[in-house]
Amino acid sequence: MTSNIAESLNAVTKDARELPIFDLFEYMRTLLERWTKEKLSKAKGTFTYLGHKYNKELEDNSTLSPKLRVRASTDHIHTVLDGVKRYIVCLENKKCSCGQFQLDELPCAHALAALRHKNETYKNYCSLYYTRKSLLLTYEMP
């Protein structure tokens, strides 16, 4: 895996670097065009609320959450127990003491356990950028 976009592009365009400048630009244009088409097709083939990648991450978190115990302190603050470990989840601020909820802007296993305890859906707690609708708009041609 590469650490940044420049390294990613360097790896993909290694053979094209020796081309004349016009041909290099044409190569880059067609490469980006192909990537956009692939991403748009993938977004169109998604029928869940979240895009495929984020839905998978949410499912992974969801498999961990049933074994967690939840104690509500207030309507928004919950203590989630995982064996001897304790996590504090604030649903109002979308934060968990594990740090994953606020970093990913997607409910972690602890937040999902708290949401399950409140009988609430995860949809109000995910970044709008991860939704199928946002993904479609990202790759839509004007």
N, C-alpha and C. Protein backbone atom coordinates (compact mmCIF):
# COMPACT_ATOMS: atom_id res chain seq x y z
N MET A 1 0.84 -1.17 0.00
CA MET A 1 0.00 0.00 0.00
C MET A 1 0.89 1.24 0.00
N THR A 2 0.46 2.27 -0.69
CA THR A 2 1.24 3.50 -0.75
C THR A 2 0.73 4.49 0.28
N SER A 3 1.61 5.44 0.62
CA SER A 3 1.27 6.35 1.70
C SER A 3 0.57 7.63 1.26
N ASN A 4 0.62 7.97 -0.01
CA ASN A 4 -0.08 9.18 -0.44
C ASN A 4 -0.45 9.11 -1.92
N ILE A 5 -1.20 10.09 -2.36
CA ILE A 5 -1.71 10.10 -3.73
C ILE A 5 -0.58 10.20 -4.76
N ALA A 6 0.48 10.95 -4.44
CA ALA A 6 1.60 11.08 -5.37
C ALA A 6 2.27 9.72 -5.61
N GLU A 7 2.47 8.97 -4.54
CA GLU A 7 3.07 7.64 -4.68
C GLU A 7 2.16 6.71 -5.46
N SER A 8 0.86 6.82 -5.23
CA SER A 8 -0.10 5.99 -5.97
C SER A 8 -0.03 6.29 -7.46
N LEU A 9 -0.05 7.57 -7.81
CA LEU A 9 0.02 7.95 -9.22
C LEU A 9 1.36 7.57 -9.83
N ASN A 10 2.44 7.72 -9.08
CA ASN A 10 3.76 7.33 -9.59
C ASN A 10 3.80 5.84 -9.91
N ALA A 11 3.20 5.03 -9.07
CA ALA A 11 3.19 3.58 -9.30
C ALA A 11 2.39 3.22 -10.54
N VAL A 12 1.27 3.90 -10.76
CA VAL A 12 0.40 3.59 -11.90
C VAL A 12 0.95 4.15 -13.20
N THR A 13 1.66 5.26 -13.14
CA THR A 13 2.13 5.92 -14.36
C THR A 13 3.61 5.66 -14.65
N LYS A 14 4.17 4.66 -14.03
CA LYS A 14 5.60 4.38 -14.18
C LYS A 14 6.00 4.25 -15.65
N ASP A 15 5.25 3.48 -16.43
CA ASP A 15 5.58 3.27 -17.84
C ASP A 15 5.33 4.51 -18.69
N ALA A 16 4.37 5.33 -18.29
CA ALA A 16 3.99 6.50 -19.09
C ALA A 16 4.93 7.69 -18.89
N ARG A 17 5.79 7.65 -17.91
CA ARG A 17 6.66 8.80 -17.61
C ARG A 17 7.62 9.15 -18.74
N GLU A 18 7.93 8.18 -19.56
CA GLU A 18 8.88 8.42 -20.66
C GLU A 18 8.20 8.97 -21.91
N LEU A 19 6.89 9.07 -21.89
CA LEU A 19 6.15 9.57 -23.05
C LEU A 19 6.35 11.07 -23.23
N PRO A 20 6.18 11.58 -24.46
CA PRO A 20 6.17 13.03 -24.66
C PRO A 20 5.03 13.64 -23.85
N ILE A 21 5.15 14.91 -23.52
CA ILE A 21 4.22 15.55 -22.58
C ILE A 21 2.76 15.44 -23.02
N PHE A 22 2.48 15.64 -24.31
CA PHE A 22 1.10 15.54 -24.77
C PHE A 22 0.56 14.13 -24.56
N ASP A 23 1.35 13.12 -24.90
CA ASP A 23 0.93 11.73 -24.72
C ASP A 23 0.77 11.38 -23.23
N LEU A 24 1.63 11.95 -22.40
CA LEU A 24 1.51 11.73 -20.95
C LEU A 24 0.19 12.30 -20.43
N PHE A 25 -0.14 13.51 -20.86
CA PHE A 25 -1.42 14.11 -20.45
C PHE A 25 -2.61 13.28 -20.94
N GLU A 26 -2.52 12.79 -22.16
CA GLU A 26 -3.60 11.96 -22.70
C GLU A 26 -3.72 10.66 -21.90
N TYR A 27 -2.59 10.08 -21.55
CA TYR A 27 -2.59 8.87 -20.73
C TYR A 27 -3.26 9.14 -19.38
N MET A 28 -2.89 10.25 -18.74
CA MET A 28 -3.47 10.61 -17.44
C MET A 28 -4.97 10.88 -17.57
N ARG A 29 -5.38 11.56 -18.62
CA ARG A 29 -6.80 11.86 -18.83
C ARG A 29 -7.60 10.57 -18.95
N THR A 30 -7.12 9.64 -19.76
CA THR A 30 -7.87 8.39 -19.95
C THR A 30 -7.84 7.53 -18.68
N LEU A 31 -6.74 7.60 -17.94
CA LEU A 31 -6.66 6.86 -16.67
C LEU A 31 -7.70 7.39 -15.68
N LEU A 32 -7.77 8.70 -15.51
CA LEU A 32 -8.74 9.30 -14.60
C LEU A 32 -10.17 9.07 -15.08
N GLU A 33 -10.37 9.10 -16.38
CA GLU A 33 -11.69 8.83 -16.95
C GLU A 33 -12.13 7.39 -16.63
N ARG A 34 -11.21 6.45 -16.78
CA ARG A 34 -11.51 5.04 -16.48
C ARG A 34 -11.81 4.85 -14.99
N TRP A 35 -11.01 5.46 -14.13
CA TRP A 35 -11.23 5.35 -12.69
C TRP A 35 -12.60 5.92 -12.31
N THR A 36 -12.94 7.07 -12.88
CA THR A 36 -14.23 7.70 -12.57
C THR A 36 -15.38 6.80 -13.00
N LYS A 37 -15.26 6.21 -14.19
CA LYS A 37 -16.32 5.31 -14.69
C LYS A 37 -16.47 4.09 -13.78
N GLU A 38 -15.34 3.51 -13.37
CA GLU A 38 -15.38 2.34 -12.48
C GLU A 38 -16.02 2.68 -11.14
N LYS A 39 -15.65 3.83 -10.58
CA LYS A 39 -16.22 4.24 -9.28
C LYS A 39 -17.71 4.53 -9.41
N LEU A 40 -18.12 5.16 -10.50
CA LEU A 40 -19.54 5.45 -10.71
C LEU A 40 -20.33 4.15 -10.86
N SER A 41 -19.79 3.20 -11.62
CA SER A 41 -20.47 1.90 -11.78
C SER A 41 -20.61 1.20 -10.44
N LYS A 42 -19.58 1.25 -9.63
CA LYS A 42 -19.63 0.62 -8.31
C LYS A 42 -20.67 1.31 -7.43
N ALA A 43 -20.73 2.64 -7.48
CA ALA A 43 -21.72 3.39 -6.68
C ALA A 43 -23.14 3.07 -7.15
N LYS A 44 -23.32 2.96 -8.47
CA LYS A 44 -24.65 2.64 -9.00
C LYS A 44 -25.07 1.22 -8.63
N GLY A 45 -24.10 0.34 -8.44
CA GLY A 45 -24.40 -1.04 -8.07
C GLY A 45 -24.59 -1.25 -6.58
N THR A 46 -24.55 -0.17 -5.82
CA THR A 46 -24.75 -0.23 -4.37
C THR A 46 -26.20 0.09 -4.07
N PHE A 47 -26.84 -0.77 -3.29
CA PHE A 47 -28.25 -0.55 -2.97
C PHE A 47 -28.49 -0.44 -1.47
N THR A 48 -27.44 -0.14 -0.74
CA THR A 48 -27.56 0.07 0.70
C THR A 48 -27.47 1.57 0.97
N TYR A 49 -27.79 1.97 2.19
CA TYR A 49 -27.76 3.39 2.56
C TYR A 49 -26.35 3.95 2.42
N LEU A 50 -25.35 3.17 2.82
CA LEU A 50 -23.96 3.59 2.72
C LEU A 50 -23.30 2.94 1.51
N GLY A 51 -22.20 3.54 1.06
CA GLY A 51 -21.42 2.93 0.00
C GLY A 51 -20.87 1.59 0.46
N HIS A 52 -20.45 0.76 -0.48
CA HIS A 52 -20.01 -0.62 -0.19
C HIS A 52 -18.93 -0.68 0.89
N LYS A 53 -17.88 0.11 0.73
CA LYS A 53 -16.75 0.09 1.66
C LYS A 53 -17.20 0.42 3.09
N TYR A 54 -18.03 1.44 3.21
CA TYR A 54 -18.46 1.90 4.54
C TYR A 54 -19.53 0.98 5.12
N ASN A 55 -20.34 0.41 4.27
CA ASN A 55 -21.33 -0.56 4.73
C ASN A 55 -20.62 -1.80 5.30
N LYS A 56 -19.54 -2.22 4.64
CA LYS A 56 -18.74 -3.36 5.10
C LYS A 56 -18.12 -3.05 6.46
N GLU A 57 -17.58 -1.85 6.61
CA GLU A 57 -16.98 -1.46 7.90
C GLU A 57 -18.04 -1.43 9.00
N LEU A 58 -19.22 -0.92 8.68
CA LEU A 58 -20.32 -0.89 9.65
C LEU A 58 -20.75 -2.31 10.02
N GLU A 59 -20.79 -3.21 9.04
CA GLU A 59 -21.13 -4.62 9.32
C GLU A 59 -20.09 -5.27 10.23
N ASP A 60 -18.82 -4.96 9.99
CA ASP A 60 -17.75 -5.49 10.85
C ASP A 60 -17.93 -5.01 12.28
N ASN A 61 -18.22 -3.72 12.44
CA ASN A 61 -18.46 -3.16 13.78
C ASN A 61 -19.71 -3.78 14.40
N SER A 62 -20.70 -4.03 13.57
CA SER A 62 -21.97 -4.57 14.03
C SER A 62 -21.83 -5.99 14.58
N THR A 63 -20.91 -6.77 14.02
CA THR A 63 -20.72 -8.14 14.52
C THR A 63 -20.09 -8.14 15.91
N LEU A 64 -19.38 -7.09 16.25
CA LEU A 64 -18.75 -7.00 17.57
C LEU A 64 -19.71 -6.48 18.64
N SER A 65 -20.69 -5.68 18.23
CA SER A 65 -21.53 -4.97 19.20
C SER A 65 -22.49 -5.83 20.03
N PRO A 66 -23.02 -6.96 19.55
CA PRO A 66 -23.98 -7.71 20.38
C PRO A 66 -23.42 -8.24 21.70
N LYS A 67 -22.12 -8.50 21.76
CA LYS A 67 -21.55 -9.03 23.00
C LYS A 67 -21.18 -7.94 24.01
N LEU A 68 -21.42 -6.69 23.66
CA LEU A 68 -21.12 -5.57 24.56
C LEU A 68 -22.32 -5.27 25.45
N ARG A 69 -22.04 -4.91 26.70
CA ARG A 69 -23.12 -4.53 27.61
C ARG A 69 -23.18 -3.01 27.70
N VAL A 70 -24.39 -2.47 27.80
CA VAL A 70 -24.59 -1.02 27.76
C VAL A 70 -25.35 -0.57 29.01
N ARG A 71 -24.86 0.53 29.59
CA ARG A 71 -25.57 1.21 30.67
C ARG A 71 -25.72 2.66 30.26
N ALA A 72 -26.95 3.14 30.24
CA ALA A 72 -27.21 4.53 29.87
C ALA A 72 -27.05 5.43 31.08
N SER A 73 -26.27 6.50 30.93
CA SER A 73 -26.14 7.51 31.98
C SER A 73 -27.18 8.59 31.78
N THR A 74 -27.32 9.02 30.53
CA THR A 74 -28.34 10.00 30.12
C THR A 74 -28.91 9.50 28.81
N ASP A 75 -29.74 10.33 28.17
CA ASP A 75 -30.27 9.96 26.86
C ASP A 75 -29.17 9.81 25.81
N HIS A 76 -28.09 10.57 25.98
CA HIS A 76 -27.05 10.59 24.95
C HIS A 76 -25.74 9.94 25.38
N ILE A 77 -25.51 9.80 26.68
CA ILE A 77 -24.24 9.27 27.16
C ILE A 77 -24.45 7.85 27.70
N HIS A 78 -23.62 6.94 27.18
CA HIS A 78 -23.72 5.53 27.56
C HIS A 78 -22.35 4.99 27.95
N THR A 79 -22.34 4.11 28.90
CA THR A 79 -21.13 3.37 29.25
C THR A 79 -21.27 1.99 28.61
N VAL A 80 -20.28 1.63 27.82
CA VAL A 80 -20.30 0.35 27.11
C VAL A 80 -19.18 -0.51 27.68
N LEU A 81 -19.56 -1.69 28.14
CA LEU A 81 -18.60 -2.61 28.77
C LEU A 81 -18.25 -3.75 27.82
N ASP A 82 -16.94 -3.93 27.64
CA ASP A 82 -16.42 -5.02 26.81
C ASP A 82 -15.48 -5.81 27.70
N GLY A 83 -16.04 -6.79 28.40
CA GLY A 83 -15.24 -7.52 29.39
C GLY A 83 -14.87 -6.57 30.52
N VAL A 84 -13.56 -6.35 30.71
CA VAL A 84 -13.10 -5.43 31.75
C VAL A 84 -12.87 -4.02 31.22
N LYS A 85 -12.94 -3.85 29.91
CA LYS A 85 -12.74 -2.52 29.31
C LYS A 85 -14.05 -1.74 29.32
N ARG A 86 -13.92 -0.43 29.51
CA ARG A 86 -15.08 0.45 29.59
C ARG A 86 -14.91 1.59 28.58
N TYR A 87 -15.95 1.85 27.83
CA TYR A 87 -15.93 2.93 26.84
C TYR A 87 -17.11 3.85 27.11
N ILE A 88 -16.88 5.14 26.94
CA ILE A 88 -17.94 6.14 27.11
C ILE A 88 -18.33 6.61 25.72
N VAL A 89 -19.62 6.51 25.41
CA VAL A 89 -20.15 6.91 24.11
C VAL A 89 -21.10 8.09 24.32
N CYS A 90 -20.86 9.17 23.58
CA CYS A 90 -21.78 10.31 23.57
C CYS A 90 -22.39 10.38 22.18
N LEU A 91 -23.63 9.95 22.07
CA LEU A 91 -24.29 9.92 20.77
C LEU A 91 -24.57 11.33 20.24
N GLU A 92 -24.85 12.26 21.14
CA GLU A 92 -25.16 13.63 20.73
C GLU A 92 -23.97 14.27 20.00
N ASN A 93 -22.76 14.04 20.50
CA ASN A 93 -21.55 14.61 19.90
C ASN A 93 -20.84 13.64 18.96
N LYS A 94 -21.40 12.46 18.79
CA LYS A 94 -20.82 11.42 17.93
C LYS A 94 -19.37 11.13 18.32
N LYS A 95 -19.20 10.79 19.61
CA LYS A 95 -17.86 10.51 20.13
C LYS A 95 -17.87 9.23 20.97
N CYS A 96 -16.74 8.54 20.92
CA CYS A 96 -16.52 7.37 21.77
C CYS A 96 -15.11 7.47 22.32
N SER A 97 -14.91 7.00 23.54
CA SER A 97 -13.58 7.09 24.14
C SER A 97 -12.55 6.22 23.42
N CYS A 98 -12.98 5.30 22.56
CA CYS A 98 -12.03 4.52 21.76
C CYS A 98 -11.43 5.37 20.64
N GLY A 99 -12.12 6.46 20.28
CA GLY A 99 -11.63 7.39 19.25
C GLY A 99 -12.06 7.07 17.84
N GLN A 100 -12.54 5.86 17.60
CA GLN A 100 -12.88 5.45 16.23
C GLN A 100 -14.11 6.17 15.68
N PHE A 101 -15.11 6.38 16.52
CA PHE A 101 -16.37 7.01 16.09
C PHE A 101 -16.10 8.39 15.50
N GLN A 102 -15.35 9.24 16.21
CA GLN A 102 -15.09 10.59 15.73
C GLN A 102 -14.06 10.62 14.60
N LEU A 103 -13.16 9.65 14.58
CA LEU A 103 -12.15 9.62 13.52
C LEU A 103 -12.76 9.20 12.18
N ASP A 104 -13.54 8.11 12.20
CA ASP A 104 -14.13 7.57 10.97
C ASP A 104 -15.44 8.23 10.58
N GLU A 105 -16.07 8.92 11.52
CA GLU A 105 -17.41 9.49 11.32
C GLU A 105 -18.40 8.40 10.92
N LEU A 106 -18.21 7.25 11.55
CA LEU A 106 -19.03 6.06 11.34
C LEU A 106 -19.11 5.38 12.71
N PRO A 107 -20.29 4.95 13.14
CA PRO A 107 -20.39 4.36 14.48
C PRO A 107 -19.47 3.16 14.67
N CYS A 108 -18.71 3.21 15.74
CA CYS A 108 -17.87 2.07 16.12
C CYS A 108 -18.75 1.02 16.78
N ALA A 109 -18.18 -0.10 17.15
CA ALA A 109 -18.95 -1.18 17.78
C ALA A 109 -19.62 -0.69 19.07
N HIS A 110 -18.93 0.17 19.82
CA HIS A 110 -19.48 0.68 21.08
C HIS A 110 -20.68 1.59 20.83
N ALA A 111 -20.57 2.45 19.82
CA ALA A 111 -21.68 3.34 19.47
C ALA A 111 -22.87 2.53 18.95
N LEU A 112 -22.59 1.49 18.16
CA LEU A 112 -23.68 0.64 17.66
C LEU A 112 -24.39 -0.08 18.80
N ALA A 113 -23.63 -0.48 19.82
CA ALA A 113 -24.24 -1.12 20.99
C ALA A 113 -25.14 -0.12 21.72
N ALA A 114 -24.68 1.12 21.85
CA ALA A 114 -25.49 2.16 22.49
C ALA A 114 -26.74 2.46 21.66
N LEU A 115 -26.60 2.50 20.35
CA LEU A 115 -27.76 2.73 19.47
C LEU A 115 -28.75 1.58 19.57
N ARG A 116 -28.25 0.37 19.63
CA ARG A 116 -29.12 -0.80 19.78
C ARG A 116 -29.88 -0.71 21.11
N HIS A 117 -29.19 -0.27 22.16
CA HIS A 117 -29.80 -0.12 23.49
C HIS A 117 -30.94 0.90 23.45
N LYS A 118 -30.79 1.94 22.61
CA LYS A 118 -31.82 2.98 22.49
C LYS A 118 -32.84 2.68 21.39
N ASN A 119 -32.67 1.57 20.68
CA ASN A 119 -33.52 1.23 19.52
C ASN A 119 -33.49 2.33 18.47
N GLU A 120 -32.30 2.85 18.20
CA GLU A 120 -32.12 3.89 17.18
C GLU A 120 -31.35 3.31 15.99
N THR A 121 -31.55 3.92 14.84
CA THR A 121 -30.84 3.51 13.64
C THR A 121 -29.49 4.21 13.55
N TYR A 122 -28.56 3.59 12.86
CA TYR A 122 -27.22 4.15 12.67
C TYR A 122 -27.20 5.31 11.68
N LYS A 123 -28.24 5.44 10.86
CA LYS A 123 -28.22 6.38 9.73
C LYS A 123 -27.97 7.83 10.13
N ASN A 124 -28.45 8.24 11.28
CA ASN A 124 -28.25 9.63 11.73
C ASN A 124 -26.86 9.86 12.30
N TYR A 125 -26.06 8.83 12.38
CA TYR A 125 -24.75 8.92 13.03
C TYR A 125 -23.59 8.65 12.08
N CYS A 126 -23.87 8.54 10.79
CA CYS A 126 -22.84 8.33 9.77
C CYS A 126 -22.61 9.63 9.01
N SER A 127 -21.39 9.85 8.59
CA SER A 127 -21.10 11.02 7.76
C SER A 127 -21.91 10.93 6.47
N LEU A 128 -22.46 12.05 6.05
CA LEU A 128 -23.22 12.08 4.80
C LEU A 128 -22.33 11.77 3.59
N TYR A 129 -21.03 11.97 3.73
CA TYR A 129 -20.10 11.69 2.63
C TYR A 129 -20.05 10.21 2.28
N TYR A 130 -20.45 9.34 3.22
CA TYR A 130 -20.39 7.90 3.00
C TYR A 130 -21.65 7.33 2.38
N THR A 131 -22.67 8.14 2.19
CA THR A 131 -23.93 7.62 1.68
C THR A 131 -23.85 7.33 0.19
N ARG A 132 -24.70 6.45 -0.26
CA ARG A 132 -24.77 6.10 -1.68
C ARG A 132 -25.05 7.36 -2.50
N LYS A 133 -25.94 8.20 -2.01
CA LYS A 133 -26.31 9.42 -2.72
C LYS A 133 -25.08 10.32 -2.93
N SER A 134 -24.27 10.49 -1.90
CA SER A 134 -23.07 11.32 -2.02
C SER A 134 -22.07 10.71 -2.98
N LEU A 135 -21.92 9.39 -2.94
CA LEU A 135 -21.00 8.73 -3.86
C LEU A 135 -21.44 8.93 -5.31
N LEU A 136 -22.74 8.81 -5.55
CA LEU A 136 -23.25 9.02 -6.91
C LEU A 136 -22.99 10.46 -7.37
N LEU A 137 -23.20 11.42 -6.48
CA LEU A 137 -22.96 12.82 -6.83
C LEU A 137 -21.48 13.10 -7.07
N THR A 138 -20.61 12.40 -6.37
CA THR A 138 -19.17 12.59 -6.52
C THR A 138 -18.71 12.25 -7.93
N TYR A 139 -19.24 11.18 -8.49
CA TYR A 139 -18.77 10.70 -9.79
C TYR A 139 -19.71 11.05 -10.93
N GLU A 140 -20.73 11.84 -10.65
CA GLU A 140 -21.67 12.26 -11.69
C GLU A 140 -21.01 13.29 -12.60
N MET A 141 -21.28 13.18 -13.88
CA MET A 141 -20.75 14.15 -14.84
C MET A 141 -21.74 15.30 -15.00
N PRO A 142 -21.25 16.54 -14.98
CA PRO A 142 -22.16 17.70 -15.12
C PRO A 142 -22.75 17.81 -16.51
